[in-house]
N, C-alpha and C. Protein backbone atom coordinates (compact mmCIF):
# COMPACT_ATOMS: atom_id res chain seq x y z
N MET A 1 24.94 41.20 -34.44
CA MET A 1 25.16 41.08 -33.02
C MET A 1 24.08 40.28 -32.30
N PRO A 2 22.88 40.08 -32.84
CA PRO A 2 21.88 39.32 -32.09
C PRO A 2 22.31 37.87 -31.85
N GLU A 3 23.22 37.36 -32.66
CA GLU A 3 23.66 35.97 -32.48
C GLU A 3 24.38 35.81 -31.14
N PHE A 4 25.19 36.81 -30.74
CA PHE A 4 25.91 36.73 -29.48
C PHE A 4 24.95 36.79 -28.30
N SER A 5 23.89 37.55 -28.43
CA SER A 5 22.89 37.65 -27.38
C SER A 5 22.21 36.30 -27.16
N GLN A 6 21.83 35.65 -28.23
CA GLN A 6 21.19 34.33 -28.14
C GLN A 6 22.16 33.30 -27.58
N PHE A 7 23.42 33.35 -28.00
CA PHE A 7 24.43 32.43 -27.51
C PHE A 7 24.65 32.62 -26.01
N GLY A 8 24.62 33.85 -25.55
CA GLY A 8 24.77 34.14 -24.13
C GLY A 8 23.64 33.55 -23.31
N LYS A 9 22.41 33.65 -23.81
CA LYS A 9 21.26 33.06 -23.11
C LYS A 9 21.39 31.55 -23.03
N ILE A 10 21.84 30.93 -24.10
CA ILE A 10 22.02 29.48 -24.10
C ILE A 10 23.07 29.07 -23.09
N LEU A 11 24.17 29.81 -23.02
CA LEU A 11 25.22 29.50 -22.04
C LEU A 11 24.72 29.64 -20.61
N ILE A 12 23.89 30.64 -20.34
CA ILE A 12 23.33 30.81 -19.00
C ILE A 12 22.43 29.65 -18.64
N ILE A 13 21.59 29.22 -19.56
CA ILE A 13 20.68 28.09 -19.30
C ILE A 13 21.48 26.82 -19.06
N ILE A 14 22.50 26.58 -19.88
CA ILE A 14 23.35 25.38 -19.68
C ILE A 14 24.03 25.44 -18.32
N GLY A 15 24.51 26.61 -17.93
CA GLY A 15 25.15 26.76 -16.62
C GLY A 15 24.19 26.48 -15.49
N LEU A 16 22.94 26.95 -15.60
CA LEU A 16 21.95 26.69 -14.56
C LEU A 16 21.60 25.21 -14.47
N VAL A 17 21.51 24.56 -15.62
CA VAL A 17 21.22 23.12 -15.62
C VAL A 17 22.36 22.34 -14.96
N VAL A 18 23.60 22.68 -15.31
CA VAL A 18 24.75 22.00 -14.72
C VAL A 18 24.80 22.24 -13.21
N ALA A 19 24.52 23.46 -12.77
CA ALA A 19 24.50 23.77 -11.34
C ALA A 19 23.38 22.99 -10.64
N GLY A 20 22.23 22.89 -11.29
CA GLY A 20 21.12 22.12 -10.71
C GLY A 20 21.46 20.65 -10.56
N VAL A 21 22.09 20.09 -11.57
CA VAL A 21 22.50 18.68 -11.50
C VAL A 21 23.52 18.49 -10.37
N GLY A 22 24.43 19.44 -10.23
CA GLY A 22 25.41 19.38 -9.14
C GLY A 22 24.75 19.41 -7.78
N LEU A 23 23.75 20.27 -7.61
CA LEU A 23 23.02 20.32 -6.35
C LEU A 23 22.28 19.03 -6.06
N ILE A 24 21.70 18.43 -7.09
CA ILE A 24 21.00 17.16 -6.90
C ILE A 24 21.99 16.07 -6.50
N LEU A 25 23.16 16.05 -7.11
CA LEU A 25 24.16 15.05 -6.76
C LEU A 25 24.66 15.24 -5.32
N ILE A 26 24.82 16.48 -4.90
CA ILE A 26 25.26 16.75 -3.54
C ILE A 26 24.17 16.37 -2.53
N ALA A 27 22.93 16.71 -2.84
CA ALA A 27 21.82 16.46 -1.93
C ALA A 27 21.21 15.08 -2.10
N GLY A 28 21.75 14.27 -2.98
CA GLY A 28 21.18 12.95 -3.26
C GLY A 28 21.13 12.04 -2.05
N ASP A 29 22.12 12.13 -1.18
CA ASP A 29 22.12 11.30 0.02
C ASP A 29 21.07 11.76 1.03
N LYS A 30 20.70 13.02 0.98
CA LYS A 30 19.74 13.56 1.94
C LYS A 30 18.30 13.33 1.52
N ILE A 31 18.09 12.84 0.30
CA ILE A 31 16.74 12.52 -0.19
C ILE A 31 16.65 10.99 -0.25
N PRO A 32 16.18 10.34 0.82
CA PRO A 32 16.26 8.88 0.89
C PRO A 32 15.37 8.15 -0.12
N TRP A 33 14.27 8.75 -0.54
CA TRP A 33 13.36 8.07 -1.46
C TRP A 33 13.79 8.17 -2.91
N LEU A 34 14.72 9.07 -3.21
CA LEU A 34 15.17 9.24 -4.59
C LEU A 34 15.94 8.00 -5.05
N GLY A 35 15.43 7.32 -6.06
CA GLY A 35 16.05 6.10 -6.55
C GLY A 35 15.51 4.84 -5.92
N ARG A 36 14.56 5.00 -5.00
CA ARG A 36 13.96 3.84 -4.34
C ARG A 36 12.44 3.90 -4.42
N LEU A 37 11.93 4.38 -5.51
CA LEU A 37 10.49 4.52 -5.68
C LEU A 37 9.89 3.21 -6.17
N PRO A 38 8.58 3.01 -5.93
CA PRO A 38 7.93 1.84 -6.50
C PRO A 38 8.01 1.90 -8.03
N GLY A 39 8.41 0.84 -8.64
CA GLY A 39 8.57 0.80 -10.09
C GLY A 39 10.02 0.82 -10.51
N ASP A 40 10.92 1.18 -9.61
CA ASP A 40 12.35 1.09 -9.89
C ASP A 40 12.75 -0.38 -9.89
N ILE A 41 13.51 -0.79 -10.87
CA ILE A 41 13.85 -2.21 -11.04
C ILE A 41 15.19 -2.52 -10.38
N PHE A 42 15.19 -3.52 -9.52
CA PHE A 42 16.41 -3.98 -8.88
C PHE A 42 16.38 -5.50 -8.85
N VAL A 43 17.36 -6.13 -9.49
CA VAL A 43 17.47 -7.59 -9.54
C VAL A 43 18.83 -7.97 -9.00
N LYS A 44 18.84 -8.80 -7.97
CA LYS A 44 20.09 -9.26 -7.38
C LYS A 44 20.25 -10.75 -7.66
N GLY A 45 21.38 -11.10 -8.24
CA GLY A 45 21.66 -12.49 -8.56
C GLY A 45 22.90 -12.97 -7.83
N LYS A 46 23.32 -14.18 -8.17
CA LYS A 46 24.50 -14.78 -7.53
C LYS A 46 25.80 -14.08 -7.95
N LYS A 47 25.86 -13.64 -9.19
CA LYS A 47 27.10 -13.06 -9.71
C LYS A 47 27.08 -11.55 -9.81
N GLY A 48 25.99 -10.92 -9.45
CA GLY A 48 25.93 -9.47 -9.56
C GLY A 48 24.51 -8.96 -9.37
N SER A 49 24.36 -7.70 -9.64
CA SER A 49 23.04 -7.11 -9.51
C SER A 49 22.80 -6.12 -10.66
N PHE A 50 21.54 -5.83 -10.89
CA PHE A 50 21.13 -4.90 -11.93
C PHE A 50 20.13 -3.93 -11.32
N TYR A 51 20.34 -2.64 -11.56
CA TYR A 51 19.46 -1.63 -11.01
C TYR A 51 19.12 -0.63 -12.10
N PHE A 52 17.83 -0.39 -12.31
CA PHE A 52 17.38 0.61 -13.27
C PHE A 52 16.23 1.41 -12.66
N PRO A 53 16.47 2.66 -12.27
CA PRO A 53 15.44 3.47 -11.61
C PRO A 53 14.47 4.10 -12.62
N ILE A 54 13.61 3.30 -13.21
CA ILE A 54 12.74 3.79 -14.29
C ILE A 54 11.74 4.82 -13.78
N THR A 55 11.14 4.59 -12.62
CA THR A 55 10.17 5.55 -12.09
C THR A 55 10.85 6.88 -11.75
N THR A 56 12.01 6.80 -11.14
CA THR A 56 12.76 8.01 -10.82
C THR A 56 13.11 8.78 -12.09
N CYS A 57 13.52 8.07 -13.13
CA CYS A 57 13.85 8.72 -14.40
C CYS A 57 12.64 9.42 -15.01
N LEU A 58 11.47 8.79 -14.93
CA LEU A 58 10.26 9.40 -15.47
C LEU A 58 9.88 10.67 -14.72
N ILE A 59 10.00 10.65 -13.39
CA ILE A 59 9.66 11.82 -12.59
C ILE A 59 10.64 12.96 -12.86
N VAL A 60 11.93 12.66 -12.91
CA VAL A 60 12.93 13.68 -13.19
C VAL A 60 12.71 14.25 -14.60
N SER A 61 12.39 13.41 -15.55
CA SER A 61 12.13 13.86 -16.92
C SER A 61 10.92 14.78 -16.97
N ALA A 62 9.86 14.43 -16.26
CA ALA A 62 8.67 15.28 -16.24
C ALA A 62 8.97 16.64 -15.60
N LEU A 63 9.73 16.65 -14.51
CA LEU A 63 10.09 17.91 -13.86
C LEU A 63 10.95 18.79 -14.77
N LEU A 64 11.94 18.19 -15.43
CA LEU A 64 12.79 18.96 -16.34
C LEU A 64 12.00 19.48 -17.53
N SER A 65 11.08 18.68 -18.05
CA SER A 65 10.24 19.13 -19.17
C SER A 65 9.40 20.32 -18.76
N PHE A 66 8.85 20.29 -17.55
CA PHE A 66 8.04 21.40 -17.05
C PHE A 66 8.89 22.66 -16.87
N ILE A 67 10.09 22.51 -16.34
CA ILE A 67 10.98 23.65 -16.15
C ILE A 67 11.35 24.26 -17.49
N PHE A 68 11.71 23.43 -18.47
CA PHE A 68 12.06 23.95 -19.79
C PHE A 68 10.85 24.57 -20.48
N TYR A 69 9.66 24.04 -20.23
CA TYR A 69 8.44 24.64 -20.77
C TYR A 69 8.25 26.05 -20.21
N LEU A 70 8.50 26.23 -18.92
CA LEU A 70 8.38 27.55 -18.32
C LEU A 70 9.38 28.54 -18.91
N PHE A 71 10.62 28.09 -19.14
CA PHE A 71 11.63 28.98 -19.72
C PHE A 71 11.28 29.36 -21.15
N ARG A 72 10.71 28.44 -21.89
CA ARG A 72 10.43 28.68 -23.31
C ARG A 72 9.23 29.62 -23.49
N HIS A 73 8.26 29.57 -22.60
CA HIS A 73 7.03 30.36 -22.78
C HIS A 73 6.95 31.58 -21.87
N LYS A 74 8.05 32.23 -21.65
CA LYS A 74 8.04 33.46 -20.84
C LYS A 74 8.04 34.67 -21.70
């Protein structure tokens, strides 16, 4: 039976992550600096544009790593 207990914890964590991503997507318009940080790459040409938010990705990755570190070491 311990396998079901572990599986339940994993499902709860996945649910919290999905809910967190949903909240970020909903609140994304209300955070004007998100995606427009120094270091984010934006190139506009005649036929199109290219956008890669590298700095934003690094910050989000660091925050998620810290959150997962807290969950793992409790």
